[in-house]
């Protein structure tokens, strides 16, 4: 009998390749045309830097908190609905889409980088369904019940 096993990566590589590619292209394009593609008000840069670093640090915290829970859940073969998974079903994706990419854009002053969040969101919407199907196969009604009451990426948006 074959034992179904959860993947450590899920659809993450498919979701984040285009988002990271967007971010890298945005960095290069902003470097080439900084006058056109950087935030134009230098007086706001200290505030945007602080807000950006807060987002990056919160996002990194959420990412690693989610990673710790996810690794433990995969190793045990259990559905984890506690910790970061009590807030959103995909905390590692959420960390990048909602916090880290926008934070990098604010810190760097390169507004085009924030587009990586949009690309990541659309990639998530495209590929996450396959991950959700796999989780339903693994955990059945328990996952369906959890998914019905827990937002996918953005807290409070089920």
C-alpha atoms as a PDB file:
ATOM      1  CA  UNK A   1       0.000   0.000   0.000  1.00  0.00           C
ATOM      2  CA  UNK A   2       1.349   3.368  -1.033  1.00  0.00           C
ATOM      3  CA  UNK A   3       1.598   5.991   1.705  1.00  0.00           C
ATOM      4  CA  UNK A   4       0.577   9.443   0.516  1.00  0.00           C
ATOM      5  CA  UNK A   5       3.087  12.028   1.612  1.00  0.00           C
ATOM      6  CA  UNK A   6       2.920  15.779   1.692  1.00  0.00           C
ATOM      7  CA  UNK A   7       5.591  17.716  -0.218  1.00  0.00           C
ATOM      8  CA  UNK A   8       7.864  20.226   1.480  1.00  0.00           C
ATOM      9  CA  UNK A   9       7.730  22.545  -1.530  1.00  0.00           C
ATOM     10  CA  UNK A  10       4.134  22.236  -2.708  1.00  0.00           C
ATOM     11  CA  UNK A  11       3.546  24.610  -5.596  1.00  0.00           C
ATOM     12  CA  UNK A  12       6.015  27.160  -4.193  1.00  0.00           C
ATOM     13  CA  UNK A  13       8.565  26.995  -7.013  1.00  0.00           C
ATOM     14  CA  UNK A  14       5.852  27.466  -9.647  1.00  0.00           C
ATOM     15  CA  UNK A  15       4.397  30.374  -7.706  1.00  0.00           C
ATOM     16  CA  UNK A  16       7.588  32.213  -6.873  1.00  0.00           C
ATOM     17  CA  UNK A  17       9.667  31.796 -10.018  1.00  0.00           C
ATOM     18  CA  UNK A  18       7.655  34.420 -11.920  1.00  0.00           C
ATOM     19  CA  UNK A  19       7.417  36.725  -8.877  1.00  0.00           C
ATOM     20  CA  UNK A  20      11.153  36.596  -8.208  1.00  0.00           C
ATOM     21  CA  UNK A  21      11.882  37.038 -11.918  1.00  0.00           C
ATOM     22  CA  UNK A  22       9.651  40.144 -11.880  1.00  0.00           C
ATOM     23  CA  UNK A  23      11.491  41.481  -8.818  1.00  0.00           C
ATOM     24  CA  UNK A  24      14.915  40.925 -10.422  1.00  0.00           C
ATOM     25  CA  UNK A  25      13.866  42.598 -13.667  1.00  0.00           C
ATOM     26  CA  UNK A  26      12.386  45.458 -11.620  1.00  0.00           C
ATOM     27  CA  UNK A  27      15.717  45.926  -9.819  1.00  0.00           C
ATOM     28  CA  UNK A  28      17.645  46.064 -13.103  1.00  0.00           C
ATOM     29  CA  UNK A  29      15.136  48.385 -14.792  1.00  0.00           C
ATOM     30  CA  UNK A  30      15.072  50.680 -11.747  1.00  0.00           C
ATOM     31  CA  UNK A  31      18.866  50.709 -11.664  1.00  0.00           C
ATOM     32  CA  UNK A  32      18.931  51.694 -15.350  1.00  0.00           C
ATOM     33  CA  UNK A  33      16.278  54.434 -15.011  1.00  0.00           C
ATOM     34  CA  UNK A  34      16.293  55.513 -11.357  1.00  0.00           C
ATOM     35  CA  UNK A  35      14.826  58.965 -11.997  1.00  0.00           C
ATOM     36  CA  UNK A  36      11.771  57.416 -13.574  1.00  0.00           C
ATOM     37  CA  UNK A  37      11.246  54.370 -11.377  1.00  0.00           C
ATOM     38  CA  UNK A  38      12.149  55.352  -7.808  1.00  0.00           C
ATOM     39  CA  UNK A  39       9.843  56.974  -5.278  1.00  0.00           C
ATOM     40  CA  UNK A  40      10.152  60.656  -6.045  1.00  0.00           C
ATOM     41  CA  UNK A  41       9.722  62.254  -2.605  1.00  0.00           C
ATOM     42  CA  UNK A  42      13.003  61.963  -0.632  1.00  0.00           C
ATOM     43  CA  UNK A  43      11.274  63.334   2.487  1.00  0.00           C
ATOM     44  CA  UNK A  44       9.169  60.154   2.648  1.00  0.00           C
ATOM     45  CA  UNK A  45      12.124  57.777   2.239  1.00  0.00           C
ATOM     46  CA  UNK A  46      12.906  57.496   5.989  1.00  0.00           C
ATOM     47  CA  UNK A  47       9.286  56.631   6.759  1.00  0.00           C
ATOM     48  CA  UNK A  48       8.992  54.201   3.862  1.00  0.00           C
ATOM     49  CA  UNK A  49      12.279  52.575   4.902  1.00  0.00           C
ATOM     50  CA  UNK A  50      11.051  52.013   8.449  1.00  0.00           C
ATOM     51  CA  UNK A  51       7.694  50.666   7.250  1.00  0.00           C
ATOM     52  CA  UNK A  52       9.508  48.523   4.682  1.00  0.00           C
ATOM     53  CA  UNK A  53      11.860  46.995   7.255  1.00  0.00           C
ATOM     54  CA  UNK A  54       8.956  46.299   9.590  1.00  0.00           C
ATOM     55  CA  UNK A  55       7.163  44.485   6.752  1.00  0.00           C
ATOM     56  CA  UNK A  56      10.304  42.528   5.818  1.00  0.00           C
ATOM     57  CA  UNK A  57      10.973  41.482   9.407  1.00  0.00           C
ATOM     58  CA  UNK A  58       7.346  40.545  10.066  1.00  0.00           C
ATOM     59  CA  UNK A  59       7.261  38.666   6.767  1.00  0.00           C
ATOM     60  CA  UNK A  60      10.483  36.798   7.554  1.00  0.00           C
ATOM     61  CA  UNK A  61       9.115  35.939  10.985  1.00  0.00           C
ATOM     62  CA  UNK A  62       5.875  34.627   9.479  1.00  0.00           C
ATOM     63  CA  UNK A  63       7.810  32.715   6.825  1.00  0.00           C
ATOM     64  CA  UNK A  64      10.097  30.926   9.280  1.00  0.00           C
ATOM     65  CA  UNK A  65       7.304  30.345  11.794  1.00  0.00           C
ATOM     66  CA  UNK A  66       5.254  28.780   9.003  1.00  0.00           C
ATOM     67  CA  UNK A  67       8.256  26.791   7.769  1.00  0.00           C
ATOM     68  CA  UNK A  68       8.848  25.348  11.243  1.00  0.00           C
ATOM     69  CA  UNK A  69       5.204  24.278  11.554  1.00  0.00           C
ATOM     70  CA  UNK A  70       5.090  22.946   7.988  1.00  0.00           C
ATOM     71  CA  UNK A  71       8.221  20.806   8.361  1.00  0.00           C
ATOM     72  CA  UNK A  72       6.880  19.350  11.602  1.00  0.00           C
ATOM     73  CA  UNK A  73       3.499  18.635   9.957  1.00  0.00           C
ATOM     74  CA  UNK A  74       5.041  16.975   6.887  1.00  0.00           C
ATOM     75  CA  UNK A  75       7.308  14.797   9.022  1.00  0.00           C
ATOM     76  CA  UNK A  76       4.415  13.672  11.203  1.00  0.00           C
ATOM     77  CA  UNK A  77       1.944  13.375   8.321  1.00  0.00           C
ATOM     78  CA  UNK A  78      -0.533  15.516  10.273  1.00  0.00           C
ATOM     79  CA  UNK A  79      -2.632  18.490   9.244  1.00  0.00           C
ATOM     80  CA  UNK A  80      -1.407  21.510  11.210  1.00  0.00           C
ATOM     81  CA  UNK A  81      -4.061  24.148  11.826  1.00  0.00           C
ATOM     82  CA  UNK A  82      -2.236  25.866  14.677  1.00  0.00           C
ATOM     83  CA  UNK A  83       0.232  28.747  14.870  1.00  0.00           C
ATOM     84  CA  UNK A  84       0.561  30.556  11.538  1.00  0.00           C
ATOM     85  CA  UNK A  85      -1.804  28.035   9.917  1.00  0.00           C
ATOM     86  CA  UNK A  86      -4.554  29.278  12.232  1.00  0.00           C
ATOM     87  CA  UNK A  87      -4.186  32.707  10.583  1.00  0.00           C
ATOM     88  CA  UNK A  88      -3.867  31.702   6.903  1.00  0.00           C
ATOM     89  CA  UNK A  89      -3.656  28.385   5.060  1.00  0.00           C
ATOM     90  CA  UNK A  90      -0.462  29.368   3.223  1.00  0.00           C
ATOM     91  CA  UNK A  91       1.647  31.475   5.607  1.00  0.00           C
ATOM     92  CA  UNK A  92       4.894  31.202   3.625  1.00  0.00           C
ATOM     93  CA  UNK A  93       3.210  32.455   0.437  1.00  0.00           C
ATOM     94  CA  UNK A  94       1.440  35.110   2.490  1.00  0.00           C
ATOM     95  CA  UNK A  95       4.732  36.312   3.965  1.00  0.00           C
ATOM     96  CA  UNK A  96       6.189  36.996   0.517  1.00  0.00           C
ATOM     97  CA  UNK A  97       3.083  38.315  -1.229  1.00  0.00           C
ATOM     98  CA  UNK A  98       1.720  40.514   1.567  1.00  0.00           C
ATOM     99  CA  UNK A  99       4.866  41.591   3.423  1.00  0.00           C
ATOM    100  CA  UNK A 100       8.296  40.827   1.987  1.00  0.00           C
ATOM    101  CA  UNK A 101       7.913  42.006  -1.631  1.00  0.00           C
ATOM    102  CA  UNK A 102       6.150  45.258  -0.619  1.00  0.00           C
ATOM    103  CA  UNK A 103       8.714  45.759   2.154  1.00  0.00           C
ATOM    104  CA  UNK A 104      11.607  45.391  -0.290  1.00  0.00           C
ATOM    105  CA  UNK A 105       9.926  47.906  -2.604  1.00  0.00           C
ATOM    106  CA  UNK A 106       9.574  50.420   0.237  1.00  0.00           C
ATOM    107  CA  UNK A 107      13.128  49.963   1.540  1.00  0.00           C
ATOM    108  CA  UNK A 108      14.717  50.174  -1.895  1.00  0.00           C
ATOM    109  CA  UNK A 109      12.476  52.976  -3.098  1.00  0.00           C
ATOM    110  CA  UNK A 110      11.890  50.962  -6.260  1.00  0.00           C
ATOM    111  CA  UNK A 111       8.111  50.901  -6.554  1.00  0.00           C
ATOM    112  CA  UNK A 112       8.222  48.512  -9.516  1.00  0.00           C
ATOM    113  CA  UNK A 113       9.334  45.708  -7.178  1.00  0.00           C
ATOM    114  CA  UNK A 114       5.906  45.776  -5.534  1.00  0.00           C
ATOM    115  CA  UNK A 115       4.607  44.293  -8.785  1.00  0.00           C
ATOM    116  CA  UNK A 116       6.186  41.016  -7.645  1.00  0.00           C
ATOM    117  CA  UNK A 117       3.350  40.791  -5.106  1.00  0.00           C
ATOM    118  CA  UNK A 118       0.807  41.071  -7.896  1.00  0.00           C
ATOM    119  CA  UNK A 119       2.625  38.501 -10.028  1.00  0.00           C
ATOM    120  CA  UNK A 120       2.942  36.232  -6.979  1.00  0.00           C
ATOM    121  CA  UNK A 121      -0.771  36.619  -6.198  1.00  0.00           C
ATOM    122  CA  UNK A 122      -1.828  35.668  -9.733  1.00  0.00           C
ATOM    123  CA  UNK A 123       0.619  32.753  -9.777  1.00  0.00           C
ATOM    124  CA  UNK A 124      -0.741  31.677  -6.408  1.00  0.00           C
ATOM    125  CA  UNK A 125      -4.319  31.824  -7.722  1.00  0.00           C
ATOM    126  CA  UNK A 126      -3.217  29.725 -10.714  1.00  0.00           C
ATOM    127  CA  UNK A 127      -1.146  27.045  -8.957  1.00  0.00           C
ATOM    128  CA  UNK A 128      -2.428  26.832  -5.386  1.00  0.00           C
ATOM    129  CA  UNK A 129      -5.521  24.911  -6.437  1.00  0.00           C
ATOM    130  CA  UNK A 130      -3.304  21.899  -7.252  1.00  0.00           C
ATOM    131  CA  UNK A 131      -1.790  22.132  -3.779  1.00  0.00           C
ATOM    132  CA  UNK A 132      -5.229  22.387  -2.184  1.00  0.00           C
ATOM    133  CA  UNK A 133      -6.422  19.301  -4.121  1.00  0.00           C
ATOM    134  CA  UNK A 134      -3.399  17.375  -2.845  1.00  0.00           C
ATOM    135  CA  UNK A 135      -4.161  18.461   0.721  1.00  0.00           C
ATOM    136  CA  UNK A 136      -7.787  17.339   0.370  1.00  0.00           C
ATOM    137  CA  UNK A 137      -6.510  13.965  -0.903  1.00  0.00           C
ATOM    138  CA  UNK A 138      -4.212  13.690   2.107  1.00  0.00           C
ATOM    139  CA  UNK A 139      -6.503  14.957   4.859  1.00  0.00           C
ATOM    140  CA  UNK A 140     -10.040  14.684   3.438  1.00  0.00           C
ATOM    141  CA  UNK A 141     -12.919  16.440   5.210  1.00  0.00           C
ATOM    142  CA  UNK A 142     -10.619  17.790   7.920  1.00  0.00           C
ATOM    143  CA  UNK A 143      -8.812  19.922   5.327  1.00  0.00           C
ATOM    144  CA  UNK A 144     -12.057  20.945   3.613  1.00  0.00           C
ATOM    145  CA  UNK A 145     -13.453  22.166   6.948  1.00  0.00           C
ATOM    146  CA  UNK A 146     -10.207  23.987   7.738  1.00  0.00           C
ATOM    147  CA  UNK A 147     -10.141  25.606   4.259  1.00  0.00           C
ATOM    148  CA  UNK A 148     -13.739  26.774   4.597  1.00  0.00           C
ATOM    149  CA  UNK A 149     -12.969  28.803   7.710  1.00  0.00           C
ATOM    150  CA  UNK A 150      -9.332  29.886   7.163  1.00  0.00           C
ATOM    151  CA  UNK A 151      -8.260  32.466   4.552  1.00  0.00           C
ATOM    152  CA  UNK A 152      -5.748  31.343   1.943  1.00  0.00           C
ATOM    153  CA  UNK A 153      -3.220  34.205   2.002  1.00  0.00           C
ATOM    154  CA  UNK A 154      -4.688  37.422   3.344  1.00  0.00           C
ATOM    155  CA  UNK A 155      -6.081  37.275   6.890  1.00  0.00           C
ATOM    156  CA  UNK A 156      -9.796  38.031   7.224  1.00  0.00           C
ATOM    157  CA  UNK A 157     -10.469  37.292   3.508  1.00  0.00           C
ATOM    158  CA  UNK A 158     -11.836  33.740   3.394  1.00  0.00           C
END
